């Protein structure tokens, strides 16, 4: 998978944040995010991440396995998961 640009990382994280702040479960929110994605590159990324998440990987693990996200983004998500403040 090709590396995401800074704008694409920002867009993905912003959309994910909106879903998480809506109060729905992560799995339901991620499904909605993927279904509504117009950008083909990010849609294929969602598909790859969905497979990893279905195999019991964490969000940061799924992001890392795609190799599309910069290291700092993966680490920030991992910190969010560890602290229970992923939506922030």
PDB file of N, CA and C in Angstrom:
ATOM      1  N   UNK A   1       0.836  -1.166   0.000  1.00  0.00           N
ATOM      2  CA  UNK A   1       0.000   0.000   0.000  1.00  0.00           C
ATOM      3  C   UNK A   1       0.889   1.239   0.000  1.00  0.00           C
ATOM      4  N   UNK A   2       0.516   2.248  -0.785  1.00  0.00           N
ATOM      5  CA  UNK A   2       1.289   3.478  -0.858  1.00  0.00           C
ATOM      6  C   UNK A   2       1.108   4.301   0.413  1.00  0.00           C
ATOM      7  N   UNK A   3       2.170   5.022   0.771  1.00  0.00           N
ATOM      8  CA  UNK A   3       2.115   5.918   1.930  1.00  0.00           C
ATOM      9  C   UNK A   3       1.082   7.002   1.697  1.00  0.00           C
ATOM     10  N   UNK A   4       0.371   7.335   2.747  1.00  0.00           N
ATOM     11  CA  UNK A   4      -0.597   8.419   2.680  1.00  0.00           C
ATOM     12  C   UNK A   4       0.139   9.759   2.763  1.00  0.00           C
ATOM     13  N   UNK A   5      -0.400  10.747   2.105  1.00  0.00           N
ATOM     14  CA  UNK A   5       0.142  12.097   2.230  1.00  0.00           C
ATOM     15  C   UNK A   5      -0.300  12.660   3.581  1.00  0.00           C
ATOM     16  N   UNK A   6       0.295  13.760   3.972  1.00  0.00           N
ATOM     17  CA  UNK A   6      -0.099  14.414   5.231  1.00  0.00           C
ATOM     18  C   UNK A   6      -1.573  14.787   5.221  1.00  0.00           C
ATOM     19  N   UNK A   7      -2.047  15.278   4.075  1.00  0.00           N
ATOM     20  CA  UNK A   7      -3.460  15.639   3.953  1.00  0.00           C
ATOM     21  C   UNK A   7      -4.360  14.421   4.098  1.00  0.00           C
ATOM     22  N   UNK A   8      -3.955  13.300   3.531  1.00  0.00           N
ATOM     23  CA  UNK A   8      -4.762  12.079   3.619  1.00  0.00           C
ATOM     24  C   UNK A   8      -4.784  11.538   5.040  1.00  0.00           C
ATOM     25  N   UNK A   9      -3.648  11.594   5.733  1.00  0.00           N
ATOM     26  CA  UNK A   9      -3.602  11.158   7.133  1.00  0.00           C
ATOM     27  C   UNK A   9      -4.522  12.035   7.967  1.00  0.00           C
ATOM     28  N   UNK A  10      -4.439  13.333   7.746  1.00  0.00           N
ATOM     29  CA  UNK A  10      -5.274  14.282   8.465  1.00  0.00           C
ATOM     30  C   UNK A  10      -6.753  14.012   8.210  1.00  0.00           C
ATOM     31  N   UNK A  11      -7.116  13.799   6.958  1.00  0.00           N
ATOM     32  CA  UNK A  11      -8.511  13.531   6.595  1.00  0.00           C
ATOM     33  C   UNK A  11      -9.015  12.252   7.259  1.00  0.00           C
ATOM     34  N   UNK A  12      -8.222  11.198   7.178  1.00  0.00           N
ATOM     35  CA  UNK A  12      -8.615   9.921   7.767  1.00  0.00           C
ATOM     36  C   UNK A  12      -8.821  10.073   9.274  1.00  0.00           C
ATOM     37  N   UNK A  13      -7.864  10.700   9.947  1.00  0.00           N
ATOM     38  CA  UNK A  13      -7.952  10.866  11.399  1.00  0.00           C
ATOM     39  C   UNK A  13      -9.125  11.759  11.793  1.00  0.00           C
ATOM     40  N   UNK A  14      -9.366  12.796  11.020  1.00  0.00           N
ATOM     41  CA  UNK A  14     -10.495  13.685  11.298  1.00  0.00           C
ATOM     42  C   UNK A  14     -11.814  12.925  11.189  1.00  0.00           C
ATOM     43  N   UNK A  15     -11.950  12.137  10.135  1.00  0.00           N
ATOM     44  CA  UNK A  15     -13.175  11.363   9.943  1.00  0.00           C
ATOM     45  C   UNK A  15     -13.356  10.335  11.057  1.00  0.00           C
ATOM     46  N   UNK A  16     -12.272   9.679  11.428  1.00  0.00           N
ATOM     47  CA  UNK A  16     -12.331   8.685  12.498  1.00  0.00           C
ATOM     48  C   UNK A  16     -12.692   9.353  13.826  1.00  0.00           C
ATOM     49  N   UNK A  17     -12.153  10.527  14.067  1.00  0.00           N
ATOM     50  CA  UNK A  17     -12.466  11.273  15.288  1.00  0.00           C
ATOM     51  C   UNK A  17     -13.948  11.636  15.355  1.00  0.00           C
ATOM     52  N   UNK A  18     -14.498  12.055  14.233  1.00  0.00           N
ATOM     53  CA  UNK A  18     -15.923  12.390  14.193  1.00  0.00           C
ATOM     54  C   UNK A  18     -16.779  11.189  14.555  1.00  0.00           C
ATOM     55  N   UNK A  19     -16.416  10.046  14.029  1.00  0.00           N
ATOM     56  CA  UNK A  19     -17.167   8.815  14.299  1.00  0.00           C
ATOM     57  C   UNK A  19     -17.044   8.438  15.773  1.00  0.00           C
ATOM     58  N   UNK A  20     -15.831   8.521  16.322  1.00  0.00           N
ATOM     59  CA  UNK A  20     -15.623   8.146  17.724  1.00  0.00           C
ATOM     60  C   UNK A  20     -16.341   9.098  18.673  1.00  0.00           C
ATOM     61  N   UNK A  21     -16.373  10.371  18.322  1.00  0.00           N
ATOM     62  CA  UNK A  21     -17.044  11.350  19.167  1.00  0.00           C
ATOM     63  C   UNK A  21     -18.562  11.287  19.050  1.00  0.00           C
ATOM     64  N   UNK A  22     -19.069  10.547  18.083  1.00  0.00           N
ATOM     65  CA  UNK A  22     -20.516  10.402  17.907  1.00  0.00           C
ATOM     66  C   UNK A  22     -21.119   9.452  18.939  1.00  0.00           C
ATOM     67  N   UNK A  23     -20.270   8.750  19.686  1.00  0.00           N
ATOM     68  CA  UNK A  23     -20.761   7.888  20.755  1.00  0.00           C
ATOM     69  C   UNK A  23     -21.079   6.464  20.344  1.00  0.00           C
ATOM     70  N   UNK A  24     -20.788   6.108  19.107  1.00  0.00           N
ATOM     71  CA  UNK A  24     -21.061   4.726  18.686  1.00  0.00           C
ATOM     72  C   UNK A  24     -19.848   3.849  18.960  1.00  0.00           C
ATOM     73  N   UNK A  25     -20.032   2.562  18.886  1.00  0.00           N
ATOM     74  CA  UNK A  25     -18.920   1.652  19.115  1.00  0.00           C
ATOM     75  C   UNK A  25     -17.880   1.827  18.005  1.00  0.00           C
ATOM     76  N   UNK A  26     -16.653   1.487  18.335  1.00  0.00           N
ATOM     77  CA  UNK A  26     -15.589   1.640  17.351  1.00  0.00           C
ATOM     78  C   UNK A  26     -15.868   0.830  16.098  1.00  0.00           C
ATOM     79  N   UNK A  27     -16.272  -0.424  16.278  1.00  0.00           N
ATOM     80  CA  UNK A  27     -16.499  -1.295  15.117  1.00  0.00           C
ATOM     81  C   UNK A  27     -17.594  -0.753  14.202  1.00  0.00           C
ATOM     82  N   UNK A  28     -18.701  -0.323  14.795  1.00  0.00           N
ATOM     83  CA  UNK A  28     -19.786   0.241  13.995  1.00  0.00           C
ATOM     84  C   UNK A  28     -19.331   1.524  13.306  1.00  0.00           C
ATOM     85  N   UNK A  29     -18.625   2.366  14.040  1.00  0.00           N
ATOM     86  CA  UNK A  29     -18.143   3.623  13.486  1.00  0.00           C
ATOM     87  C   UNK A  29     -17.162   3.416  12.349  1.00  0.00           C
ATOM     88  N   UNK A  30     -16.265   2.442  12.515  1.00  0.00           N
ATOM     89  CA  UNK A  30     -15.287   2.175  11.462  1.00  0.00           C
ATOM     90  C   UNK A  30     -15.976   1.653  10.204  1.00  0.00           C
ATOM     91  N   UNK A  31     -16.986   0.819  10.389  1.00  0.00           N
ATOM     92  CA  UNK A  31     -17.744   0.310   9.236  1.00  0.00           C
ATOM     93  C   UNK A  31     -18.416   1.455   8.477  1.00  0.00           C
ATOM     94  N   UNK A  32     -19.037   2.359   9.218  1.00  0.00           N
ATOM     95  CA  UNK A  32     -19.696   3.507   8.583  1.00  0.00           C
ATOM     96  C   UNK A  32     -18.676   4.375   7.871  1.00  0.00           C
ATOM     97  N   UNK A  33     -17.539   4.604   8.524  1.00  0.00           N
ATOM     98  CA  UNK A  33     -16.472   5.394   7.912  1.00  0.00           C
ATOM     99  C   UNK A  33     -16.043   4.785   6.579  1.00  0.00           C
ATOM    100  N   UNK A  34     -15.853   3.492   6.563  1.00  0.00           N
ATOM    101  CA  UNK A  34     -15.403   2.818   5.334  1.00  0.00           C
ATOM    102  C   UNK A  34     -16.482   2.849   4.253  1.00  0.00           C
ATOM    103  N   UNK A  35     -17.729   2.656   4.653  1.00  0.00           N
ATOM    104  CA  UNK A  35     -18.823   2.653   3.680  1.00  0.00           C
ATOM    105  C   UNK A  35     -19.007   4.005   3.016  1.00  0.00           C
ATOM    106  N   UNK A  36     -18.755   5.077   3.759  1.00  0.00           N
ATOM    107  CA  UNK A  36     -18.979   6.427   3.246  1.00  0.00           C
ATOM    108  C   UNK A  36     -17.758   7.044   2.565  1.00  0.00           C
ATOM    109  N   UNK A  37     -16.666   6.316   2.495  1.00  0.00           N
ATOM    110  CA  UNK A  37     -15.425   6.860   1.957  1.00  0.00           C
ATOM    111  C   UNK A  37     -15.493   6.961   0.431  1.00  0.00           C
ATOM    112  N   UNK A  38     -15.250   8.158  -0.093  1.00  0.00           N
ATOM    113  CA  UNK A  38     -15.246   8.383  -1.538  1.00  0.00           C
ATOM    114  C   UNK A  38     -13.862   8.206  -2.150  1.00  0.00           C
ATOM    115  N   UNK A  39     -12.836   8.523  -1.385  1.00  0.00           N
ATOM    116  CA  UNK A  39     -11.456   8.445  -1.868  1.00  0.00           C
ATOM    117  C   UNK A  39     -11.061   6.979  -2.025  1.00  0.00           C
ATOM    118  N   UNK A  40     -10.719   6.566  -3.239  1.00  0.00           N
ATOM    119  CA  UNK A  40     -10.434   5.153  -3.523  1.00  0.00           C
ATOM    120  C   UNK A  40      -9.206   4.646  -2.770  1.00  0.00           C
ATOM    121  N   UNK A  41      -8.206   5.499  -2.624  1.00  0.00           N
ATOM    122  CA  UNK A  41      -6.991   5.098  -1.913  1.00  0.00           C
ATOM    123  C   UNK A  41      -7.314   4.811  -0.451  1.00  0.00           C
ATOM    124  N   UNK A  42      -8.068   5.695   0.175  1.00  0.00           N
ATOM    125  CA  UNK A  42      -8.415   5.500   1.580  1.00  0.00           C
ATOM    126  C   UNK A  42      -9.435   4.371   1.731  1.00  0.00           C
ATOM    127  N   UNK A  43     -10.289   4.191   0.754  1.00  0.00           N
ATOM    128  CA  UNK A  43     -11.235   3.074   0.789  1.00  0.00           C
ATOM    129  C   UNK A  43     -10.501   1.736   0.781  1.00  0.00           C
ATOM    130  N   UNK A  44      -9.472   1.605  -0.048  1.00  0.00           N
ATOM    131  CA  UNK A  44      -8.706   0.349  -0.069  1.00  0.00           C
ATOM    132  C   UNK A  44      -7.935   0.181   1.238  1.00  0.00           C
ATOM    133  N   UNK A  45      -7.505   1.291   1.818  1.00  0.00           N
ATOM    134  CA  UNK A  45      -6.844   1.253   3.115  1.00  0.00           C
ATOM    135  C   UNK A  45      -7.821   0.755   4.180  1.00  0.00           C
ATOM    136  N   UNK A  46      -9.048   1.267   4.153  1.00  0.00           N
ATOM    137  CA  UNK A  46     -10.086   0.821   5.099  1.00  0.00           C
ATOM    138  C   UNK A  46     -10.332  -0.678   4.975  1.00  0.00           C
ATOM    139  N   UNK A  47     -10.379  -1.155   3.764  1.00  0.00           N
ATOM    140  CA  UNK A  47     -10.616  -2.580   3.536  1.00  0.00           C
ATOM    141  C   UNK A  47      -9.502  -3.418   4.148  1.00  0.00           C
ATOM    142  N   UNK A  48      -8.255  -3.001   3.934  1.00  0.00           N
ATOM    143  CA  UNK A  48      -7.112  -3.726   4.497  1.00  0.00           C
ATOM    144  C   UNK A  48      -7.129  -3.665   6.016  1.00  0.00           C
ATOM    145  N   UNK A  49      -7.459  -2.501   6.554  1.00  0.00           N
ATOM    146  CA  UNK A  49      -7.499  -2.349   8.002  1.00  0.00           C
ATOM    147  C   UNK A  49      -8.642  -3.154   8.606  1.00  0.00           C
ATOM    148  N   UNK A  50      -9.764  -3.207   7.927  1.00  0.00           N
ATOM    149  CA  UNK A  50     -10.914  -3.979   8.418  1.00  0.00           C
ATOM    150  C   UNK A  50     -10.532  -5.447   8.576  1.00  0.00           C
ATOM    151  N   UNK A  51      -9.784  -5.989   7.636  1.00  0.00           N
ATOM    152  CA  UNK A  51      -9.346  -7.382   7.722  1.00  0.00           C
ATOM    153  C   UNK A  51      -8.461  -7.595   8.950  1.00  0.00           C
ATOM    154  N   UNK A  52      -7.558  -6.659   9.185  1.00  0.00           N
ATOM    155  CA  UNK A  52      -6.670  -6.761  10.344  1.00  0.00           C
ATOM    156  C   UNK A  52      -7.463  -6.633  11.647  1.00  0.00           C
ATOM    157  N   UNK A  53      -8.411  -5.706  11.683  1.00  0.00           N
ATOM    158  CA  UNK A  53      -9.236  -5.531  12.877  1.00  0.00           C
ATOM    159  C   UNK A  53     -10.086  -6.769  13.147  1.00  0.00           C
ATOM    160  N   UNK A  54     -10.560  -7.424  12.086  1.00  0.00           N
ATOM    161  CA  UNK A  54     -11.338  -8.655  12.238  1.00  0.00           C
ATOM    162  C   UNK A  54     -10.478  -9.795  12.764  1.00  0.00           C
ATOM    163  N   UNK A  55      -9.145  -9.678  12.573  1.00  0.00           N
ATOM    164  CA  UNK A  55      -8.213 -10.681  13.079  1.00  0.00           C
ATOM    165  C   UNK A  55      -7.679 -10.289  14.462  1.00  0.00           C
ATOM    166  N   UNK A  56      -8.482  -9.479  15.182  1.00  0.00           N
ATOM    167  CA  UNK A  56      -8.191  -9.114  16.571  1.00  0.00           C
ATOM    168  C   UNK A  56      -7.000  -8.174  16.743  1.00  0.00           C
ATOM    169  N   UNK A  57      -6.593  -7.482  15.710  1.00  0.00           N
ATOM    170  CA  UNK A  57      -5.537  -6.487  15.859  1.00  0.00           C
ATOM    171  C   UNK A  57      -6.138  -5.199  16.386  1.00  0.00           C
ATOM    172  N   UNK A  58      -5.318  -4.429  17.074  1.00  0.00           N
ATOM    173  CA  UNK A  58      -5.734  -3.110  17.535  1.00  0.00           C
ATOM    174  C   UNK A  58      -5.733  -2.158  16.338  1.00  0.00           C
ATOM    175  N   UNK A  59      -6.309  -0.980  16.529  1.00  0.00           N
ATOM    176  CA  UNK A  59      -6.304   0.011  15.461  1.00  0.00           C
ATOM    177  C   UNK A  59      -4.881   0.383  15.091  1.00  0.00           C
ATOM    178  N   UNK A  60      -4.033   0.617  16.090  1.00  0.00           N
ATOM    179  CA  UNK A  60      -2.643   0.969  15.783  1.00  0.00           C
ATOM    180  C   UNK A  60      -1.939  -0.182  15.061  1.00  0.00           C
ATOM    181  N   UNK A  61      -2.233  -1.411  15.462  1.00  0.00           N
ATOM    182  CA  UNK A  61      -1.648  -2.573  14.782  1.00  0.00           C
ATOM    183  C   UNK A  61      -2.114  -2.686  13.345  1.00  0.00           C
ATOM    184  N   UNK A  62      -3.397  -2.405  13.121  1.00  0.00           N
ATOM    185  CA  UNK A  62      -3.938  -2.445  11.755  1.00  0.00           C
ATOM    186  C   UNK A  62      -3.316  -1.337  10.903  1.00  0.00           C
ATOM    187  N   UNK A  63      -3.166  -0.149  11.501  1.00  0.00           N
ATOM    188  CA  UNK A  63      -2.542   0.959  10.777  1.00  0.00           C
ATOM    189  C   UNK A  63      -1.104   0.619  10.415  1.00  0.00           C
ATOM    190  N   UNK A  64      -0.381   0.052  11.369  1.00  0.00           N
ATOM    191  CA  UNK A  64       1.019  -0.294  11.145  1.00  0.00           C
ATOM    192  C   UNK A  64       1.168  -1.358  10.065  1.00  0.00           C
ATOM    193  N   UNK A  65       0.283  -2.334  10.063  1.00  0.00           N
ATOM    194  CA  UNK A  65       0.401  -3.434   9.103  1.00  0.00           C
ATOM    195  C   UNK A  65       0.184  -2.981   7.661  1.00  0.00           C
ATOM    196  N   UNK A  66      -0.565  -1.891   7.467  1.00  0.00           N
ATOM    197  CA  UNK A  66      -0.773  -1.399   6.099  1.00  0.00           C
ATOM    198  C   UNK A  66       0.460  -0.707   5.547  1.00  0.00           C
ATOM    199  N   UNK A  67       1.320  -0.226   6.447  1.00  0.00           N
ATOM    200  CA  UNK A  67       2.526   0.523   6.070  1.00  0.00           C
ATOM    201  C   UNK A  67       2.200   1.818   5.316  1.00  0.00           C
ATOM    202  N   UNK A  68       0.959   2.268   5.421  1.00  0.00           N
ATOM    203  CA  UNK A  68       0.526   3.475   4.718  1.00  0.00           C
ATOM    204  C   UNK A  68       0.625   4.714   5.601  1.00  0.00           C
ATOM    205  N   UNK A  69       0.630   4.505   6.919  1.00  0.00           N
ATOM    206  CA  UNK A  69       0.647   5.618   7.854  1.00  0.00           C
ATOM    207  C   UNK A  69       2.063   5.921   8.312  1.00  0.00           C
ATOM    208  N   UNK A  70       2.358   7.188   8.546  1.00  0.00           N
ATOM    209  CA  UNK A  70       3.671   7.520   9.104  1.00  0.00           C
ATOM    210  C   UNK A  70       3.781   6.991  10.537  1.00  0.00           C
ATOM    211  N   UNK A  71       4.983   6.748  10.958  1.00  0.00           N
ATOM    212  CA  UNK A  71       5.233   6.176  12.277  1.00  0.00           C
ATOM    213  C   UNK A  71       4.622   7.018  13.399  1.00  0.00           C
ATOM    214  N   UNK A  72       4.706   8.341  13.269  1.00  0.00           N
ATOM    215  CA  UNK A  72       4.164   9.202  14.329  1.00  0.00           C
ATOM    216  C   UNK A  72       2.659   8.997  14.498  1.00  0.00           C
ATOM    217  N   UNK A  73       1.929   8.781  13.409  1.00  0.00           N
ATOM    218  CA  UNK A  73       0.480   8.594  13.486  1.00  0.00           C
ATOM    219  C   UNK A  73       0.149   7.282  14.192  1.00  0.00           C
ATOM    220  N   UNK A  74       0.888   6.241  13.872  1.00  0.00           N
ATOM    221  CA  UNK A  74       0.674   4.941  14.514  1.00  0.00           C
ATOM    222  C   UNK A  74       0.949   5.047  16.008  1.00  0.00           C
ATOM    223  N   UNK A  75       2.028   5.743  16.369  1.00  0.00           N
ATOM    224  CA  UNK A  75       2.376   5.889  17.784  1.00  0.00           C
ATOM    225  C   UNK A  75       1.340   6.717  18.537  1.00  0.00           C
ATOM    226  N   UNK A  76       0.818   7.761  17.908  1.00  0.00           N
ATOM    227  CA  UNK A  76      -0.199   8.585  18.560  1.00  0.00           C
ATOM    228  C   UNK A  76      -1.475   7.768  18.826  1.00  0.00           C
ATOM    229  N   UNK A  77      -1.861   6.940  17.870  1.00  0.00           N
ATOM    230  CA  UNK A  77      -3.041   6.090  18.053  1.00  0.00           C
ATOM    231  C   UNK A  77      -2.781   5.068  19.149  1.00  0.00           C
ATOM    232  N   UNK A  78      -1.580   4.513  19.159  1.00  0.00           N
ATOM    233  CA  UNK A  78      -1.239   3.536  20.200  1.00  0.00           C
ATOM    234  C   UNK A  78      -1.330   4.179  21.590  1.00  0.00           C
ATOM    235  N   UNK A  79      -0.857   5.406  21.729  1.00  0.00           N
ATOM    236  CA  UNK A  79      -0.955   6.120  22.999  1.00  0.00           C
ATOM    237  C   UNK A  79      -2.419   6.329  23.360  1.00  0.00           C
ATOM    238  N   UNK A  80      -3.241   6.720  22.392  1.00  0.00           N
ATOM    239  CA  UNK A  80      -4.672   6.891  22.623  1.00  0.00           C
ATOM    240  C   UNK A  80      -5.333   5.613  23.095  1.00  0.00           C
ATOM    241  N   UNK A  81      -4.941   4.491  22.501  1.00  0.00           N
ATOM    242  CA  UNK A  81      -5.496   3.200  22.914  1.00  0.00           C
ATOM    243  C   UNK A  81      -5.076   2.856  24.337  1.00  0.00           C
ATOM    244  N   UNK A  82      -3.808   3.115  24.662  1.00  0.00           N
ATOM    245  CA  UNK A  82      -3.285   2.764  25.980  1.00  0.00           C
ATOM    246  C   UNK A  82      -3.913   3.621  27.082  1.00  0.00           C
ATOM    247  N   UNK A  83      -4.206   4.863  26.775  1.00  0.00           N
ATOM    248  CA  UNK A  83      -4.748   5.764  27.791  1.00  0.00           C
ATOM    249  C   UNK A  83      -6.281   5.752  27.808  1.00  0.00           C
ATOM    250  N   UNK A  84      -6.887   5.127  26.819  1.00  0.00           N
ATOM    251  CA  UNK A  84      -8.344   5.114  26.741  1.00  0.00           C
ATOM    252  C   UNK A  84      -8.913   6.422  26.235  1.00  0.00           C
ATOM    253  N   UNK A  85      -8.089   7.217  25.563  1.00  0.00           N
ATOM    254  CA  UNK A  85      -8.525   8.526  25.070  1.00  0.00           C
ATOM    255  C   UNK A  85      -8.307   8.628  23.557  1.00  0.00           C
ATOM    256  N   UNK A  86      -8.612   7.579  22.861  1.00  0.00           N
ATOM    257  CA  UNK A  86      -8.394   7.523  21.426  1.00  0.00           C
ATOM    258  C   UNK A  86      -9.106   8.638  20.678  1.00  0.00           C
ATOM    259  N   UNK A  87     -10.297   8.990  21.103  1.00  0.00           N
ATOM    260  CA  UNK A  87     -11.057  10.027  20.400  1.00  0.00           C
ATOM    261  C   UNK A  87     -10.375  11.390  20.462  1.00  0.00           C
ATOM    262  N   UNK A  88      -9.518  11.606  21.428  1.00  0.00           N
ATOM    263  CA  UNK A  88      -8.804  12.887  21.550  1.00  0.00           C
ATOM    264  C   UNK A  88      -7.647  12.924  20.584  1.00  0.00           C
TER     265      UNK A  88
END
